Amino acid sequence: MKKSFWVLLILSAVLVIFSVLNAEPVDVNILFSQIEISLAILLIIVFLSGVIAGSSYFFIKSKMKKKQGSVMEETEEPSEANVSE
């Protein structure tokens, strides 16, 4: 399995343990409202948001590199020096 999978799995396990140990409710200010939520749930939400943001960034960057590579291939013309008769 990939190393990144194991790192993500270990980080997730640490997050769950940390969240369970810090399960008391906290006040969260979201724009102009205030809500009370368990710190465990808040930590999990923040962690998942970070994973989604990082994955999206990686996906977009890889798509851009792939697109730039295909554009470069289309614009290149075969040279006459490589053609042998």
PDB file of N, CA and C in Angstrom:
ATOM      1  N   MET A   1       0.836  -1.178   0.000  1.00  0.00           N
ATOM      2  CA  MET A   1       0.000   0.000   0.000  1.00  0.00           C
ATOM      3  C   MET A   1       0.878   1.237   0.000  1.00  0.00           C
ATOM      4  N   LYS A   2       0.298   2.332  -0.407  1.00  0.00           N
ATOM      5  CA  LYS A   2       1.057   3.564  -0.499  1.00  0.00           C
ATOM      6  C   LYS A   2       1.370   4.124   0.884  1.00  0.00           C
ATOM      7  N   LYS A   3       2.494   4.811   0.941  1.00  0.00           N
ATOM      8  CA  LYS A   3       2.922   5.421   2.194  1.00  0.00           C
ATOM      9  C   LYS A   3       1.926   6.500   2.640  1.00  0.00           C
ATOM     10  N   SER A   4       1.366   7.246   1.694  1.00  0.00           N
ATOM     11  CA  SER A   4       0.424   8.306   2.038  1.00  0.00           C
ATOM     12  C   SER A   4      -0.838   7.747   2.697  1.00  0.00           C
ATOM     13  N   PHE A   5      -1.240   6.551   2.295  1.00  0.00           N
ATOM     14  CA  PHE A   5      -2.402   5.919   2.912  1.00  0.00           C
ATOM     15  C   PHE A   5      -2.147   5.662   4.386  1.00  0.00           C
ATOM     16  N   TRP A   6      -0.971   5.132   4.701  1.00  0.00           N
ATOM     17  CA  TRP A   6      -0.644   4.823   6.094  1.00  0.00           C
ATOM     18  C   TRP A   6      -0.512   6.094   6.924  1.00  0.00           C
ATOM     19  N   VAL A   7       0.055   7.135   6.337  1.00  0.00           N
ATOM     20  CA  VAL A   7       0.177   8.405   7.057  1.00  0.00           C
ATOM     21  C   VAL A   7      -1.214   8.953   7.360  1.00  0.00           C
ATOM     22  N   LEU A   8      -2.102   8.919   6.378  1.00  0.00           N
ATOM     23  CA  LEU A   8      -3.468   9.396   6.581  1.00  0.00           C
ATOM     24  C   LEU A   8      -4.197   8.556   7.627  1.00  0.00           C
ATOM     25  N   LEU A   9      -3.984   7.254   7.595  1.00  0.00           N
ATOM     26  CA  LEU A   9      -4.620   6.369   8.567  1.00  0.00           C
ATOM     27  C   LEU A   9      -4.133   6.660   9.985  1.00  0.00           C
ATOM     28  N   ILE A  10      -2.838   6.860  10.153  1.00  0.00           N
ATOM     29  CA  ILE A  10      -2.276   7.170  11.474  1.00  0.00           C
ATOM     30  C   ILE A  10      -2.775   8.529  11.962  1.00  0.00           C
ATOM     31  N   LEU A  11      -2.788   9.530  11.075  1.00  0.00           N
ATOM     32  CA  LEU A  11      -3.296  10.851  11.461  1.00  0.00           C
ATOM     33  C   LEU A  11      -4.767  10.786  11.857  1.00  0.00           C
ATOM     34  N   SER A  12      -5.534  10.000  11.152  1.00  0.00           N
ATOM     35  CA  SER A  12      -6.954   9.848  11.490  1.00  0.00           C
ATOM     36  C   SER A  12      -7.125   9.195  12.856  1.00  0.00           C
ATOM     37  N   ALA A  13      -6.330   8.175  13.140  1.00  0.00           N
ATOM     38  CA  ALA A  13      -6.415   7.514  14.440  1.00  0.00           C
ATOM     39  C   ALA A  13      -6.026   8.466  15.566  1.00  0.00           C
ATOM     40  N   VAL A  14      -4.974   9.242  15.366  1.00  0.00           N
ATOM     41  CA  VAL A  14      -4.562  10.229  16.373  1.00  0.00           C
ATOM     42  C   VAL A  14      -5.662  11.261  16.578  1.00  0.00           C
ATOM     43  N   LEU A  15      -6.294  11.706  15.490  1.00  0.00           N
ATOM     44  CA  LEU A  15      -7.382  12.673  15.596  1.00  0.00           C
ATOM     45  C   LEU A  15      -8.548  12.112  16.395  1.00  0.00           C
ATOM     46  N   VAL A  16      -8.903  10.871  16.137  1.00  0.00           N
ATOM     47  CA  VAL A  16     -10.028  10.259  16.871  1.00  0.00           C
ATOM     48  C   VAL A  16      -9.707  10.155  18.356  1.00  0.00           C
ATOM     49  N   ILE A  17      -8.505   9.700  18.684  1.00  0.00           N
ATOM     50  CA  ILE A  17      -8.114   9.594  20.100  1.00  0.00           C
ATOM     51  C   ILE A  17      -8.112  10.962  20.765  1.00  0.00           C
ATOM     52  N   PHE A  18      -7.525  11.949  20.090  1.00  0.00           N
ATOM     53  CA  PHE A  18      -7.481  13.308  20.632  1.00  0.00           C
ATOM     54  C   PHE A  18      -8.888  13.873  20.806  1.00  0.00           C
ATOM     55  N   SER A  19      -9.747  13.604  19.844  1.00  0.00           N
ATOM     56  CA  SER A  19     -11.119  14.113  19.914  1.00  0.00           C
ATOM     57  C   SER A  19     -11.897  13.501  21.074  1.00  0.00           C
ATOM     58  N   VAL A  20     -11.733  12.209  21.281  1.00  0.00           N
ATOM     59  CA  VAL A  20     -12.451  11.543  22.379  1.00  0.00           C
ATOM     60  C   VAL A  20     -11.982  12.084  23.727  1.00  0.00           C
ATOM     61  N   LEU A  21     -10.687  12.364  23.841  1.00  0.00           N
ATOM     62  CA  LEU A  21     -10.160  12.896  25.096  1.00  0.00           C
ATOM     63  C   LEU A  21     -10.578  14.347  25.340  1.00  0.00           C
ATOM     64  N   ASN A  22     -10.976  15.058  24.283  1.00  0.00           N
ATOM     65  CA  ASN A  22     -11.383  16.466  24.394  1.00  0.00           C
ATOM     66  C   ASN A  22     -12.815  16.629  23.899  1.00  0.00           C
ATOM     67  N   ALA A  23     -13.740  15.952  24.534  1.00  0.00           N
ATOM     68  CA  ALA A  23     -15.123  15.928  24.061  1.00  0.00           C
ATOM     69  C   ALA A  23     -16.018  16.992  24.685  1.00  0.00           C
ATOM     70  N   GLU A  24     -15.469  17.892  25.509  1.00  0.00           N
ATOM     71  CA  GLU A  24     -16.328  18.892  26.139  1.00  0.00           C
ATOM     72  C   GLU A  24     -16.842  19.903  25.110  1.00  0.00           C
ATOM     73  N   PRO A  25     -18.023  20.477  25.353  1.00  0.00           N
ATOM     74  CA  PRO A  25     -18.594  21.445  24.398  1.00  0.00           C
ATOM     75  C   PRO A  25     -17.827  22.768  24.417  1.00  0.00           C
ATOM     76  N   VAL A  26     -17.726  23.379  23.235  1.00  0.00           N
ATOM     77  CA  VAL A  26     -17.077  24.688  23.095  1.00  0.00           C
ATOM     78  C   VAL A  26     -17.991  25.595  22.293  1.00  0.00           C
ATOM     79  N   ASP A  27     -17.821  26.900  22.479  1.00  0.00           N
ATOM     80  CA  ASP A  27     -18.571  27.884  21.705  1.00  0.00           C
ATOM     81  C   ASP A  27     -17.801  28.214  20.434  1.00  0.00           C
ATOM     82  N   VAL A  28     -18.517  28.224  19.316  1.00  0.00           N
ATOM     83  CA  VAL A  28     -17.922  28.527  18.027  1.00  0.00           C
ATOM     84  C   VAL A  28     -18.677  29.704  17.415  1.00  0.00           C
ATOM     85  N   ASN A  29     -17.942  30.735  17.013  1.00  0.00           N
ATOM     86  CA  ASN A  29     -18.538  31.882  16.339  1.00  0.00           C
ATOM     87  C   ASN A  29     -18.415  31.694  14.836  1.00  0.00           C
ATOM     88  N   ILE A  30     -19.562  31.611  14.175  1.00  0.00           N
ATOM     89  CA  ILE A  30     -19.602  31.486  12.724  1.00  0.00           C
ATOM     90  C   ILE A  30     -20.311  32.717  12.179  1.00  0.00           C
ATOM     91  N   LEU A  31     -19.525  33.583  11.556  1.00  0.00           N
ATOM     92  CA  LEU A  31     -19.991  34.871  11.059  1.00  0.00           C
ATOM     93  C   LEU A  31     -20.653  35.651  12.198  1.00  0.00           C
ATOM     94  N   PHE A  32     -21.971  35.760  12.171  1.00  0.00           N
ATOM     95  CA  PHE A  32     -22.650  36.557  13.196  1.00  0.00           C
ATOM     96  C   PHE A  32     -23.443  35.718  14.190  1.00  0.00           C
ATOM     97  N   SER A  33     -23.258  34.420  14.156  1.00  0.00           N
ATOM     98  CA  SER A  33     -23.975  33.559  15.093  1.00  0.00           C
ATOM     99  C   SER A  33     -22.981  32.775  15.937  1.00  0.00           C
ATOM    100  N   GLN A  34     -23.472  32.289  17.063  1.00  0.00           N
ATOM    101  CA  GLN A  34     -22.641  31.520  17.972  1.00  0.00           C
ATOM    102  C   GLN A  34     -23.349  30.204  18.264  1.00  0.00           C
ATOM    103  N   ILE A  35     -22.610  29.101  18.113  1.00  0.00           N
ATOM    104  CA  ILE A  35     -23.187  27.793  18.406  1.00  0.00           C
ATOM    105  C   ILE A  35     -22.289  27.062  19.391  1.00  0.00           C
ATOM    106  N   GLU A  36     -22.874  26.130  20.103  1.00  0.00           N
ATOM    107  CA  GLU A  36     -22.117  25.286  21.021  1.00  0.00           C
ATOM    108  C   GLU A  36     -22.050  23.892  20.412  1.00  0.00           C
ATOM    109  N   ILE A  37     -20.828  23.388  20.265  1.00  0.00           N
ATOM    110  CA  ILE A  37     -20.610  22.102  19.607  1.00  0.00           C
ATOM    111  C   ILE A  37     -19.517  21.350  20.353  1.00  0.00           C
ATOM    112  N   SER A  38     -19.560  20.057  20.289  1.00  0.00           N
ATOM    113  CA  SER A  38     -18.531  19.239  20.922  1.00  0.00           C
ATOM    114  C   SER A  38     -17.189  19.491  20.230  1.00  0.00           C
ATOM    115  N   LEU A  39     -16.138  19.598  21.017  1.00  0.00           N
ATOM    116  CA  LEU A  39     -14.807  19.822  20.460  1.00  0.00           C
ATOM    117  C   LEU A  39     -14.393  18.663  19.562  1.00  0.00           C
ATOM    118  N   ALA A  40     -14.826  17.451  19.892  1.00  0.00           N
ATOM    119  CA  ALA A  40     -14.503  16.282  19.074  1.00  0.00           C
ATOM    120  C   ALA A  40     -15.074  16.428  17.669  1.00  0.00           C
ATOM    121  N   ILE A  41     -16.334  16.825  17.584  1.00  0.00           N
ATOM    122  CA  ILE A  41     -16.975  17.008  16.280  1.00  0.00           C
ATOM    123  C   ILE A  41     -16.315  18.150  15.520  1.00  0.00           C
ATOM    124  N   LEU A  42     -15.997  19.225  16.209  1.00  0.00           N
ATOM    125  CA  LEU A  42     -15.345  20.367  15.578  1.00  0.00           C
ATOM    126  C   LEU A  42     -13.982  19.979  15.002  1.00  0.00           C
ATOM    127  N   LEU A  43     -13.204  19.219  15.756  1.00  0.00           N
ATOM    128  CA  LEU A  43     -11.895  18.785  15.275  1.00  0.00           C
ATOM    129  C   LEU A  43     -12.018  17.877  14.052  1.00  0.00           C
ATOM    130  N   ILE A  44     -12.972  16.991  14.068  1.00  0.00           N
ATOM    131  CA  ILE A  44     -13.176  16.099  12.929  1.00  0.00           C
ATOM    132  C   ILE A  44     -13.606  16.893  11.694  1.00  0.00           C
ATOM    133  N   ILE A  45     -14.490  17.868  11.870  1.00  0.00           N
ATOM    134  CA  ILE A  45     -14.930  18.707  10.753  1.00  0.00           C
ATOM    135  C   ILE A  45     -13.759  19.491  10.167  1.00  0.00           C
ATOM    136  N   VAL A  46     -12.943  20.072  11.030  1.00  0.00           N
ATOM    137  CA  VAL A  46     -11.786  20.838  10.555  1.00  0.00           C
ATOM    138  C   VAL A  46     -10.784  19.930   9.845  1.00  0.00           C
ATOM    139  N   PHE A  47     -10.537  18.758  10.390  1.00  0.00           N
ATOM    140  CA  PHE A  47      -9.624  17.809   9.761  1.00  0.00           C
ATOM    141  C   PHE A  47     -10.115  17.398   8.382  1.00  0.00           C
ATOM    142  N   LEU A  48     -11.385  17.035   8.276  1.00  0.00           N
ATOM    143  CA  LEU A  48     -11.935  16.621   6.987  1.00  0.00           C
ATOM    144  C   LEU A  48     -11.932  17.770   5.979  1.00  0.00           C
ATOM    145  N   SER A  49     -12.173  18.986   6.453  1.00  0.00           N
ATOM    146  CA  SER A  49     -12.101  20.154   5.564  1.00  0.00           C
ATOM    147  C   SER A  49     -10.693  20.317   5.005  1.00  0.00           C
ATOM    148  N   GLY A  50      -9.697  20.122   5.836  1.00  0.00           N
ATOM    149  CA  GLY A  50      -8.312  20.205   5.384  1.00  0.00           C
ATOM    150  C   GLY A  50      -7.965  19.116   4.383  1.00  0.00           C
ATOM    151  N   VAL A  51      -8.442  17.909   4.625  1.00  0.00           N
ATOM    152  CA  VAL A  51      -8.196  16.797   3.699  1.00  0.00           C
ATOM    153  C   VAL A  51      -8.849  17.086   2.350  1.00  0.00           C
ATOM    154  N   ILE A  52     -10.069  17.577   2.375  1.00  0.00           N
ATOM    155  CA  ILE A  52     -10.780  17.889   1.129  1.00  0.00           C
ATOM    156  C   ILE A  52     -10.081  19.025   0.387  1.00  0.00           C
ATOM    157  N   ALA A  53      -9.658  20.063   1.103  1.00  0.00           N
ATOM    158  CA  ALA A  53      -8.971  21.190   0.464  1.00  0.00           C
ATOM    159  C   ALA A  53      -7.642  20.736  -0.137  1.00  0.00           C
ATOM    160  N   GLY A  54      -6.883  19.950   0.587  1.00  0.00           N
ATOM    161  CA  GLY A  54      -5.605  19.462   0.080  1.00  0.00           C
ATOM    162  C   GLY A  54      -5.775  18.548  -1.119  1.00  0.00           C
ATOM    163  N   SER A  55      -6.754  17.671  -1.063  1.00  0.00           N
ATOM    164  CA  SER A  55      -7.019  16.770  -2.182  1.00  0.00           C
ATOM    165  C   SER A  55      -7.471  17.542  -3.423  1.00  0.00           C
ATOM    166  N   SER A  56      -8.310  18.540  -3.215  1.00  0.00           N
ATOM    167  CA  SER A  56      -8.775  19.364  -4.337  1.00  0.00           C
ATOM    168  C   SER A  56      -7.615  20.097  -4.985  1.00  0.00           C
ATOM    169  N   TYR A  57      -6.735  20.664  -4.172  1.00  0.00           N
ATOM    170  CA  TYR A  57      -5.574  21.379  -4.690  1.00  0.00           C
ATOM    171  C   TYR A  57      -4.686  20.435  -5.503  1.00  0.00           C
ATOM    172  N   PHE A  58      -4.421  19.253  -4.973  1.00  0.00           N
ATOM    173  CA  PHE A  58      -3.595  18.275  -5.676  1.00  0.00           C
ATOM    174  C   PHE A  58      -4.246  17.853  -6.988  1.00  0.00           C
ATOM    175  N   PHE A  59      -5.563  17.616  -6.971  1.00  0.00           N
ATOM    176  CA  PHE A  59      -6.283  17.197  -8.165  1.00  0.00           C
ATOM    177  C   PHE A  59      -6.241  18.284  -9.238  1.00  0.00           C
ATOM    178  N   ILE A  60      -6.463  19.526  -8.853  1.00  0.00           N
ATOM    179  CA  ILE A  60      -6.449  20.636  -9.808  1.00  0.00           C
ATOM    180  C   ILE A  60      -5.052  20.820 -10.397  1.00  0.00           C
ATOM    181  N   LYS A  61      -4.018  20.759  -9.559  1.00  0.00           N
ATOM    182  CA  LYS A  61      -2.649  20.923 -10.049  1.00  0.00           C
ATOM    183  C   LYS A  61      -2.277  19.805 -11.009  1.00  0.00           C
ATOM    184  N   SER A  62      -2.669  18.561 -10.717  1.00  0.00           N
ATOM    185  CA  SER A  62      -2.334  17.458 -11.602  1.00  0.00           C
ATOM    186  C   SER A  62      -3.079  17.570 -12.930  1.00  0.00           C
ATOM    187  N   LYS A  63      -4.314  18.043 -12.901  1.00  0.00           N
ATOM    188  CA  LYS A  63      -5.072  18.259 -14.137  1.00  0.00           C
ATOM    189  C   LYS A  63      -4.422  19.349 -14.983  1.00  0.00           C
ATOM    190  N   MET A  64      -3.957  20.428 -14.339  1.00  0.00           N
ATOM    191  CA  MET A  64      -3.316  21.518 -15.073  1.00  0.00           C
ATOM    192  C   MET A  64      -2.013  21.046 -15.710  1.00  0.00           C
ATOM    193  N   LYS A  65      -1.216  20.259 -15.000  1.00  0.00           N
ATOM    194  CA  LYS A  65       0.031  19.735 -15.557  1.00  0.00           C
ATOM    195  C   LYS A  65      -0.256  18.818 -16.739  1.00  0.00           C
ATOM    196  N   LYS A  66      -1.272  17.979 -16.605  1.00  0.00           N
ATOM    197  CA  LYS A  66      -1.628  17.057 -17.676  1.00  0.00           C
ATOM    198  C   LYS A  66      -2.097  17.829 -18.907  1.00  0.00           C
ATOM    199  N   LYS A  67      -2.893  18.881 -18.684  1.00  0.00           N
ATOM    200  CA  LYS A  67      -3.401  19.691 -19.787  1.00  0.00           C
ATOM    201  C   LYS A  67      -2.265  20.434 -20.469  1.00  0.00           C
ATOM    202  N   GLN A  68      -1.326  20.986 -19.700  1.00  0.00           N
ATOM    203  CA  GLN A  68      -0.185  21.689 -20.276  1.00  0.00           C
ATOM    204  C   GLN A  68       0.686  20.729 -21.071  1.00  0.00           C
ATOM    205  N   GLY A  69       0.841  19.510 -20.598  1.00  0.00           N
ATOM    206  CA  GLY A  69       1.621  18.515 -21.316  1.00  0.00           C
ATOM    207  C   GLY A  69       1.004  18.158 -22.651  1.00  0.00           C
ATOM    208  N   SER A  70      -0.310  18.026 -22.717  1.00  0.00           N
ATOM    209  CA  SER A  70      -0.974  17.688 -23.974  1.00  0.00           C
ATOM    210  C   SER A  70      -0.944  18.856 -24.941  1.00  0.00           C
ATOM    211  N   VAL A  71      -0.986  20.093 -24.440  1.00  0.00           N
ATOM    212  CA  VAL A  71      -0.892  21.268 -25.303  1.00  0.00           C
ATOM    213  C   VAL A  71       0.501  21.352 -25.906  1.00  0.00           C
ATOM    214  N   MET A  72       1.529  21.048 -25.121  1.00  0.00           N
ATOM    215  CA  MET A  72       2.899  21.079 -25.616  1.00  0.00           C
ATOM    216  C   MET A  72       3.097  20.023 -26.707  1.00  0.00           C
ATOM    217  N   GLU A  73       2.514  18.846 -26.553  1.00  0.00           N
ATOM    218  CA  GLU A  73       2.643  17.788 -27.548  1.00  0.00           C
ATOM    219  C   GLU A  73       1.968  18.172 -28.855  1.00  0.00           C
ATOM    220  N   GLU A  74       0.827  18.862 -28.793  1.00  0.00           N
ATOM    221  CA  GLU A  74       0.106  19.263 -29.993  1.00  0.00           C
ATOM    222  C   GLU A  74       0.849  20.346 -30.763  1.00  0.00           C
ATOM    223  N   THR A  75       1.541  21.241 -30.068  1.00  0.00           N
ATOM    224  CA  THR A  75       2.211  22.348 -30.730  1.00  0.00           C
ATOM    225  C   THR A  75       3.563  21.962 -31.308  1.00  0.00           C
ATOM    226  N   GLU A  76       4.162  20.873 -30.859  1.00  0.00           N
ATOM    227  CA  GLU A  76       5.450  20.439 -31.380  1.00  0.00           C
ATOM    228  C   GLU A  76       5.266  19.846 -32.771  1.00  0.00           C
ATOM    229  N   GLU A  77       6.171  20.221 -33.692  1.00  0.00           N
ATOM    230  CA  GLU A  77       6.136  19.681 -35.039  1.00  0.00           C
ATOM    231  C   GLU A  77       7.279  18.691 -35.185  1.00  0.00           C
ATOM    232  N   PRO A  78       7.074  17.622 -35.913  1.00  0.00           N
ATOM    233  CA  PRO A  78       8.178  16.671 -36.096  1.00  0.00           C
ATOM    234  C   PRO A  78       9.289  17.305 -36.922  1.00  0.00           C
ATOM    235  N   SER A  79      10.494  17.099 -36.510  1.00  0.00           N
ATOM    236  CA  SER A  79      11.638  17.685 -37.223  1.00  0.00           C
ATOM    237  C   SER A  79      12.015  16.784 -38.389  1.00  0.00           C
ATOM    238  N   GLU A  80      12.583  17.392 -39.415  1.00  0.00           N
ATOM    239  CA  GLU A  80      12.965  16.650 -40.605  1.00  0.00           C
ATOM    240  C   GLU A  80      14.221  15.833 -40.366  1.00  0.00           C
ATOM    241  N   ALA A  81      15.002  16.190 -39.329  1.00  0.00           N
ATOM    242  CA  ALA A  81      16.228  15.460 -39.044  1.00  0.00           C
ATOM    243  C   ALA A  81      15.954  14.056 -38.538  1.00  0.00           C
ATOM    244  N   ASN A  82      14.801  13.833 -37.951  1.00  0.00           N
ATOM    245  CA  ASN A  82      14.459  12.523 -37.406  1.00  0.00           C
ATOM    246  C   ASN A  82      13.903  11.575 -38.465  1.00  0.00           C
ATOM    247  N   VAL A  83      13.548  12.104 -39.615  1.00  0.00           N
ATOM    248  CA  VAL A  83      12.944  11.290 -40.666  1.00  0.00           C
ATOM    249  C   VAL A  83      14.084  10.724 -41.516  1.00  0.00           C
ATOM    250  N   SER A  84      14.166   9.417 -41.596  1.00  0.00           N
ATOM    251  CA  SER A  84      15.211   8.797 -42.414  1.00  0.00           C
ATOM    252  C   SER A  84      14.573   8.069 -43.590  1.00  0.00           C
ATOM    253  N   GLU A  85      15.181   8.199 -44.760  1.00  0.00           N
ATOM    254  CA  GLU A  85      14.632   7.548 -45.966  1.00  0.00           C
ATOM    255  C   GLU A  85      15.561   6.518 -46.482  1.00  0.00           C
TER     256      GLU A  85
END
